[in-house]
């Protein structure tokens, strides 16, 4: 008999948290909380900032810790006396600008008719990364696989504004996308997520 993980998660893009985590029907969050300090101190499991937050809030944010730190500068800045807090390396703005300029130049060059052979040589569809190809296949084949998606809230997470965009598990059926049922955000998590959900209203609407 196979043992399976069962989890629920929710939040915002790059700021979503696992709210329920079971293995073979057993809640394994107590063990994770107990071992959070060990995981953080050892540095053997990656994402030390996320384990720090697990110790602090009792829940694990599964997103890469650099993205999480972008939402929580109060913690990142608190440790700025270190050269690289939590081992998080933020990208240099000037460096990113140079990379973008180089990529634009490369795309212009490749787009010239005489260079189209390069696209045929190296361009291959992949199911990794953002998993858009896999999602498109599931929609086409009517396969109800759960995907990490960003959709309009519309009451899915009642404690957040209806018109904010939330990150939750969804699946495709009959050519449409449906939200899976998610656990309510614990108050500690909801309090820090809601700030950014409300900020969406100021930026997007």
C-alpha atoms as a PDB file:
ATOM      1  CA  UNK A   1       0.000   0.000   0.000  1.00  0.00           C
ATOM      2  CA  UNK A   2       1.439   3.356  -1.058  1.00  0.00           C
ATOM      3  CA  UNK A   3       1.758   6.116   1.493  1.00  0.00           C
ATOM      4  CA  UNK A   4       0.846   9.527   0.158  1.00  0.00           C
ATOM      5  CA  UNK A   5       1.303  13.151   1.056  1.00  0.00           C
ATOM      6  CA  UNK A   6      -1.807  15.270   1.399  1.00  0.00           C
ATOM      7  CA  UNK A   7      -1.366  19.016   1.562  1.00  0.00           C
ATOM      8  CA  UNK A   8      -3.191  22.273   1.191  1.00  0.00           C
ATOM      9  CA  UNK A   9      -1.587  25.584   0.353  1.00  0.00           C
ATOM     10  CA  UNK A  10      -2.570  29.118  -0.476  1.00  0.00           C
ATOM     11  CA  UNK A  11      -1.475  32.731  -0.548  1.00  0.00           C
ATOM     12  CA  UNK A  12      -0.126  35.001  -3.247  1.00  0.00           C
ATOM     13  CA  UNK A  13       2.268  34.484  -6.116  1.00  0.00           C
ATOM     14  CA  UNK A  14       5.754  33.980  -4.603  1.00  0.00           C
ATOM     15  CA  UNK A  15       4.208  34.236  -1.128  1.00  0.00           C
ATOM     16  CA  UNK A  16       2.132  31.077  -0.625  1.00  0.00           C
ATOM     17  CA  UNK A  17       2.187  28.846   2.457  1.00  0.00           C
ATOM     18  CA  UNK A  18       1.515  25.185   3.172  1.00  0.00           C
ATOM     19  CA  UNK A  19      -1.441  25.246   5.565  1.00  0.00           C
ATOM     20  CA  UNK A  20      -1.981  21.496   5.908  1.00  0.00           C
ATOM     21  CA  UNK A  21       0.578  18.715   5.540  1.00  0.00           C
ATOM     22  CA  UNK A  22      -0.163  15.042   6.124  1.00  0.00           C
ATOM     23  CA  UNK A  23       1.695  11.843   5.297  1.00  0.00           C
ATOM     24  CA  UNK A  24      -0.328   8.652   5.249  1.00  0.00           C
ATOM     25  CA  UNK A  25      -3.075  10.438   7.182  1.00  0.00           C
ATOM     26  CA  UNK A  26      -0.737  11.780   9.893  1.00  0.00           C
ATOM     27  CA  UNK A  27      -0.164  15.497  10.465  1.00  0.00           C
ATOM     28  CA  UNK A  28       3.595  15.955  10.114  1.00  0.00           C
ATOM     29  CA  UNK A  29       3.665  19.685  10.873  1.00  0.00           C
ATOM     30  CA  UNK A  30       4.441  19.094  14.578  1.00  0.00           C
ATOM     31  CA  UNK A  31       7.593  17.196  13.599  1.00  0.00           C
ATOM     32  CA  UNK A  32       8.561  19.879  11.071  1.00  0.00           C
ATOM     33  CA  UNK A  33       8.162  22.599  13.698  1.00  0.00           C
ATOM     34  CA  UNK A  34      10.195  20.586  16.173  1.00  0.00           C
ATOM     35  CA  UNK A  35      13.022  20.161  13.670  1.00  0.00           C
ATOM     36  CA  UNK A  36      12.867  23.634  12.101  1.00  0.00           C
ATOM     37  CA  UNK A  37      15.750  24.977  14.184  1.00  0.00           C
ATOM     38  CA  UNK A  38      17.872  21.930  13.364  1.00  0.00           C
ATOM     39  CA  UNK A  39      17.168  22.385   9.648  1.00  0.00           C
ATOM     40  CA  UNK A  40      17.955  26.090   9.887  1.00  0.00           C
ATOM     41  CA  UNK A  41      21.171  25.647  11.874  1.00  0.00           C
ATOM     42  CA  UNK A  42      22.532  22.808   9.745  1.00  0.00           C
ATOM     43  CA  UNK A  43      22.030  24.563   6.432  1.00  0.00           C
ATOM     44  CA  UNK A  44      21.778  21.158   4.772  1.00  0.00           C
ATOM     45  CA  UNK A  45      18.225  21.491   3.489  1.00  0.00           C
ATOM     46  CA  UNK A  46      18.316  24.770   1.577  1.00  0.00           C
ATOM     47  CA  UNK A  47      16.084  27.807   2.003  1.00  0.00           C
ATOM     48  CA  UNK A  48      17.261  28.762   5.513  1.00  0.00           C
ATOM     49  CA  UNK A  49      15.031  31.854   5.556  1.00  0.00           C
ATOM     50  CA  UNK A  50      11.970  29.646   5.058  1.00  0.00           C
ATOM     51  CA  UNK A  51      12.969  27.485   8.035  1.00  0.00           C
ATOM     52  CA  UNK A  52      13.488  30.644  10.069  1.00  0.00           C
ATOM     53  CA  UNK A  53       9.918  31.648   9.191  1.00  0.00           C
ATOM     54  CA  UNK A  54       8.705  28.147  10.069  1.00  0.00           C
ATOM     55  CA  UNK A  55      10.174  28.647  13.541  1.00  0.00           C
ATOM     56  CA  UNK A  56       8.653  32.119  13.788  1.00  0.00           C
ATOM     57  CA  UNK A  57       5.168  31.530  12.332  1.00  0.00           C
ATOM     58  CA  UNK A  58       4.691  27.763  12.545  1.00  0.00           C
ATOM     59  CA  UNK A  59       4.056  27.295   8.822  1.00  0.00           C
ATOM     60  CA  UNK A  60       6.297  26.700   5.831  1.00  0.00           C
ATOM     61  CA  UNK A  61       6.393  29.027   2.832  1.00  0.00           C
ATOM     62  CA  UNK A  62       7.361  26.714  -0.016  1.00  0.00           C
ATOM     63  CA  UNK A  63       8.484  29.443  -2.421  1.00  0.00           C
ATOM     64  CA  UNK A  64      12.201  30.097  -2.984  1.00  0.00           C
ATOM     65  CA  UNK A  65      13.468  32.089  -0.001  1.00  0.00           C
ATOM     66  CA  UNK A  66      14.733  34.995  -2.134  1.00  0.00           C
ATOM     67  CA  UNK A  67      11.188  35.645  -3.359  1.00  0.00           C
ATOM     68  CA  UNK A  68       9.801  35.352   0.156  1.00  0.00           C
ATOM     69  CA  UNK A  69      12.330  37.893   1.453  1.00  0.00           C
ATOM     70  CA  UNK A  70      11.033  40.369  -1.122  1.00  0.00           C
ATOM     71  CA  UNK A  71       7.723  40.327   0.760  1.00  0.00           C
ATOM     72  CA  UNK A  72       9.283  40.454   4.233  1.00  0.00           C
ATOM     73  CA  UNK A  73      12.062  43.064   4.228  1.00  0.00           C
ATOM     74  CA  UNK A  74      11.641  43.612   7.970  1.00  0.00           C
ATOM     75  CA  UNK A  75      13.310  40.249   8.569  1.00  0.00           C
ATOM     76  CA  UNK A  76      15.824  40.484   5.798  1.00  0.00           C
ATOM     77  CA  UNK A  77      16.903  43.989   6.843  1.00  0.00           C
ATOM     78  CA  UNK A  78      17.127  42.967  10.491  1.00  0.00           C
ATOM     79  CA  UNK A  79      20.008  40.688   9.541  1.00  0.00           C
ATOM     80  CA  UNK A  80      21.753  43.142   7.224  1.00  0.00           C
ATOM     81  CA  UNK A  81      24.737  43.272   9.529  1.00  0.00           C
ATOM     82  CA  UNK A  82      25.656  40.016   7.829  1.00  0.00           C
ATOM     83  CA  UNK A  83      27.206  40.209   4.409  1.00  0.00           C
ATOM     84  CA  UNK A  84      24.626  37.885   2.852  1.00  0.00           C
ATOM     85  CA  UNK A  85      21.633  37.458   5.209  1.00  0.00           C
ATOM     86  CA  UNK A  86      20.326  33.877   5.209  1.00  0.00           C
ATOM     87  CA  UNK A  87      22.565  33.220   2.202  1.00  0.00           C
ATOM     88  CA  UNK A  88      20.066  35.100   0.016  1.00  0.00           C
ATOM     89  CA  UNK A  89      21.687  36.820  -2.935  1.00  0.00           C
ATOM     90  CA  UNK A  90      19.517  39.472  -4.515  1.00  0.00           C
ATOM     91  CA  UNK A  91      20.234  40.285  -8.134  1.00  0.00           C
ATOM     92  CA  UNK A  92      22.043  43.522  -8.849  1.00  0.00           C
ATOM     93  CA  UNK A  93      19.754  45.963 -10.700  1.00  0.00           C
ATOM     94  CA  UNK A  94      22.488  47.082 -13.090  1.00  0.00           C
ATOM     95  CA  UNK A  95      23.398  43.468 -13.771  1.00  0.00           C
ATOM     96  CA  UNK A  96      19.787  42.561 -14.538  1.00  0.00           C
ATOM     97  CA  UNK A  97      19.528  45.538 -16.904  1.00  0.00           C
ATOM     98  CA  UNK A  98      22.634  44.377 -18.783  1.00  0.00           C
ATOM     99  CA  UNK A  99      21.226  40.844 -19.035  1.00  0.00           C
ATOM    100  CA  UNK A 100      17.933  42.175 -20.395  1.00  0.00           C
ATOM    101  CA  UNK A 101      19.709  44.353 -22.974  1.00  0.00           C
ATOM    102  CA  UNK A 102      21.842  41.409 -24.074  1.00  0.00           C
ATOM    103  CA  UNK A 103      18.777  39.165 -24.394  1.00  0.00           C
ATOM    104  CA  UNK A 104      16.914  41.753 -26.498  1.00  0.00           C
ATOM    105  CA  UNK A 105      19.923  41.995 -28.828  1.00  0.00           C
ATOM    106  CA  UNK A 106      20.125  38.206 -29.072  1.00  0.00           C
ATOM    107  CA  UNK A 107      16.407  37.881 -29.867  1.00  0.00           C
ATOM    108  CA  UNK A 108      16.657  40.558 -32.581  1.00  0.00           C
ATOM    109  CA  UNK A 109      19.593  38.709 -34.127  1.00  0.00           C
ATOM    110  CA  UNK A 110      17.871  35.314 -34.006  1.00  0.00           C
ATOM    111  CA  UNK A 111      14.708  36.804 -35.496  1.00  0.00           C
ATOM    112  CA  UNK A 112      16.474  37.667 -38.740  1.00  0.00           C
ATOM    113  CA  UNK A 113      15.405  35.208 -41.493  1.00  0.00           C
ATOM    114  CA  UNK A 114      18.949  34.020 -42.131  1.00  0.00           C
ATOM    115  CA  UNK A 115      19.258  32.954 -38.479  1.00  0.00           C
ATOM    116  CA  UNK A 116      15.963  31.067 -38.115  1.00  0.00           C
ATOM    117  CA  UNK A 117      17.857  27.766 -38.361  1.00  0.00           C
ATOM    118  CA  UNK A 118      19.081  28.387 -34.804  1.00  0.00           C
ATOM    119  CA  UNK A 119      15.498  28.385 -33.500  1.00  0.00           C
ATOM    120  CA  UNK A 120      14.815  25.045 -35.202  1.00  0.00           C
ATOM    121  CA  UNK A 121      18.044  23.654 -33.793  1.00  0.00           C
ATOM    122  CA  UNK A 122      17.717  24.624 -30.124  1.00  0.00           C
ATOM    123  CA  UNK A 123      14.035  25.412 -29.511  1.00  0.00           C
ATOM    124  CA  UNK A 124      12.306  22.432 -27.957  1.00  0.00           C
ATOM    125  CA  UNK A 125       9.071  22.289 -25.921  1.00  0.00           C
ATOM    126  CA  UNK A 126       9.747  21.401 -22.292  1.00  0.00           C
ATOM    127  CA  UNK A 127       7.471  20.419 -19.420  1.00  0.00           C
ATOM    128  CA  UNK A 128       9.724  21.923 -16.730  1.00  0.00           C
ATOM    129  CA  UNK A 129      10.068  25.498 -15.536  1.00  0.00           C
ATOM    130  CA  UNK A 130       6.689  27.195 -15.298  1.00  0.00           C
ATOM    131  CA  UNK A 131       4.972  23.974 -16.482  1.00  0.00           C
ATOM    132  CA  UNK A 132       2.795  25.864 -18.992  1.00  0.00           C
ATOM    133  CA  UNK A 133       3.170  23.076 -21.554  1.00  0.00           C
ATOM    134  CA  UNK A 134       2.020  20.434 -19.081  1.00  0.00           C
ATOM    135  CA  UNK A 135      -0.979  22.569 -18.122  1.00  0.00           C
ATOM    136  CA  UNK A 136      -1.903  23.033 -21.794  1.00  0.00           C
ATOM    137  CA  UNK A 137      -1.702  19.253 -22.334  1.00  0.00           C
ATOM    138  CA  UNK A 138      -3.905  18.577 -19.308  1.00  0.00           C
ATOM    139  CA  UNK A 139      -6.478  21.066 -20.558  1.00  0.00           C
ATOM    140  CA  UNK A 140      -6.449  19.514 -24.016  1.00  0.00           C
ATOM    141  CA  UNK A 141      -6.603  15.934 -22.714  1.00  0.00           C
ATOM    142  CA  UNK A 142      -9.089  16.709 -19.928  1.00  0.00           C
ATOM    143  CA  UNK A 143      -6.674  15.320 -17.340  1.00  0.00           C
ATOM    144  CA  UNK A 144      -7.495  16.452 -13.786  1.00  0.00           C
ATOM    145  CA  UNK A 145      -3.984  16.959 -12.461  1.00  0.00           C
ATOM    146  CA  UNK A 146      -3.461  19.613  -9.775  1.00  0.00           C
ATOM    147  CA  UNK A 147      -1.276  22.578 -10.742  1.00  0.00           C
ATOM    148  CA  UNK A 148       0.052  25.529  -8.773  1.00  0.00           C
ATOM    149  CA  UNK A 149      -1.906  28.354 -10.360  1.00  0.00           C
ATOM    150  CA  UNK A 150      -2.716  32.030  -9.946  1.00  0.00           C
ATOM    151  CA  UNK A 151      -6.397  32.880 -10.281  1.00  0.00           C
ATOM    152  CA  UNK A 152      -8.858  35.552  -9.180  1.00  0.00           C
ATOM    153  CA  UNK A 153      -9.792  34.884  -5.558  1.00  0.00           C
ATOM    154  CA  UNK A 154     -13.593  35.219  -5.727  1.00  0.00           C
ATOM    155  CA  UNK A 155     -14.015  33.913  -2.179  1.00  0.00           C
ATOM    156  CA  UNK A 156     -11.638  30.951  -2.465  1.00  0.00           C
ATOM    157  CA  UNK A 157      -9.679  32.383   0.464  1.00  0.00           C
ATOM    158  CA  UNK A 158     -12.448  34.330   2.249  1.00  0.00           C
ATOM    159  CA  UNK A 159     -10.065  36.363   4.406  1.00  0.00           C
ATOM    160  CA  UNK A 160      -8.490  38.001   1.328  1.00  0.00           C
ATOM    161  CA  UNK A 161     -10.118  40.501  -1.081  1.00  0.00           C
ATOM    162  CA  UNK A 162     -12.314  38.847  -3.716  1.00  0.00           C
ATOM    163  CA  UNK A 163     -10.587  40.601  -6.607  1.00  0.00           C
ATOM    164  CA  UNK A 164      -7.007  39.861  -5.592  1.00  0.00           C
ATOM    165  CA  UNK A 165      -5.032  37.138  -7.373  1.00  0.00           C
ATOM    166  CA  UNK A 166      -4.262  34.105  -5.201  1.00  0.00           C
ATOM    167  CA  UNK A 167      -1.928  31.160  -5.643  1.00  0.00           C
ATOM    168  CA  UNK A 168      -3.770  27.883  -5.072  1.00  0.00           C
ATOM    169  CA  UNK A 169      -4.035  24.365  -6.557  1.00  0.00           C
ATOM    170  CA  UNK A 170      -6.328  24.135  -9.596  1.00  0.00           C
ATOM    171  CA  UNK A 171      -7.169  21.515 -12.191  1.00  0.00           C
ATOM    172  CA  UNK A 172      -8.683  21.404 -15.676  1.00  0.00           C
ATOM    173  CA  UNK A 173     -11.968  19.774 -16.580  1.00  0.00           C
ATOM    174  CA  UNK A 174     -13.937  20.076 -19.824  1.00  0.00           C
ATOM    175  CA  UNK A 175     -11.647  22.855 -21.015  1.00  0.00           C
ATOM    176  CA  UNK A 176     -12.143  24.984 -17.901  1.00  0.00           C
ATOM    177  CA  UNK A 177     -10.016  25.594 -14.845  1.00  0.00           C
ATOM    178  CA  UNK A 178     -11.410  24.833 -11.392  1.00  0.00           C
ATOM    179  CA  UNK A 179     -10.063  25.733  -7.973  1.00  0.00           C
ATOM    180  CA  UNK A 180      -9.433  22.980  -5.460  1.00  0.00           C
ATOM    181  CA  UNK A 181     -10.691  23.412  -1.928  1.00  0.00           C
ATOM    182  CA  UNK A 182      -8.028  24.972   0.282  1.00  0.00           C
ATOM    183  CA  UNK A 183      -7.654  25.355   4.024  1.00  0.00           C
ATOM    184  CA  UNK A 184      -8.234  28.849   5.514  1.00  0.00           C
ATOM    185  CA  UNK A 185      -5.043  30.785   6.079  1.00  0.00           C
ATOM    186  CA  UNK A 186      -4.024  30.665   9.770  1.00  0.00           C
ATOM    187  CA  UNK A 187      -4.345  34.119  11.378  1.00  0.00           C
ATOM    188  CA  UNK A 188      -0.583  34.638  11.693  1.00  0.00           C
ATOM    189  CA  UNK A 189      -0.124  33.909   8.010  1.00  0.00           C
ATOM    190  CA  UNK A 190      -3.236  35.751   6.908  1.00  0.00           C
ATOM    191  CA  UNK A 191      -2.094  38.923   8.674  1.00  0.00           C
ATOM    192  CA  UNK A 192       1.134  39.117   6.660  1.00  0.00           C
ATOM    193  CA  UNK A 193      -0.359  37.940   3.358  1.00  0.00           C
ATOM    194  CA  UNK A 194      -3.352  40.276   3.478  1.00  0.00           C
ATOM    195  CA  UNK A 195      -1.083  43.346   3.479  1.00  0.00           C
ATOM    196  CA  UNK A 196       0.202  42.452   0.033  1.00  0.00           C
ATOM    197  CA  UNK A 197      -3.215  41.296  -1.210  1.00  0.00           C
ATOM    198  CA  UNK A 198      -4.551  44.751  -0.382  1.00  0.00           C
ATOM    199  CA  UNK A 199      -1.563  46.351  -2.074  1.00  0.00           C
ATOM    200  CA  UNK A 200      -2.715  44.679  -5.285  1.00  0.00           C
ATOM    201  CA  UNK A 201      -5.781  46.891  -5.166  1.00  0.00           C
ATOM    202  CA  UNK A 202      -3.617  50.024  -5.214  1.00  0.00           C
ATOM    203  CA  UNK A 203      -1.446  48.833  -8.080  1.00  0.00           C
ATOM    204  CA  UNK A 204      -3.832  46.986 -10.397  1.00  0.00           C
ATOM    205  CA  UNK A 205      -7.283  48.545 -10.011  1.00  0.00           C
END
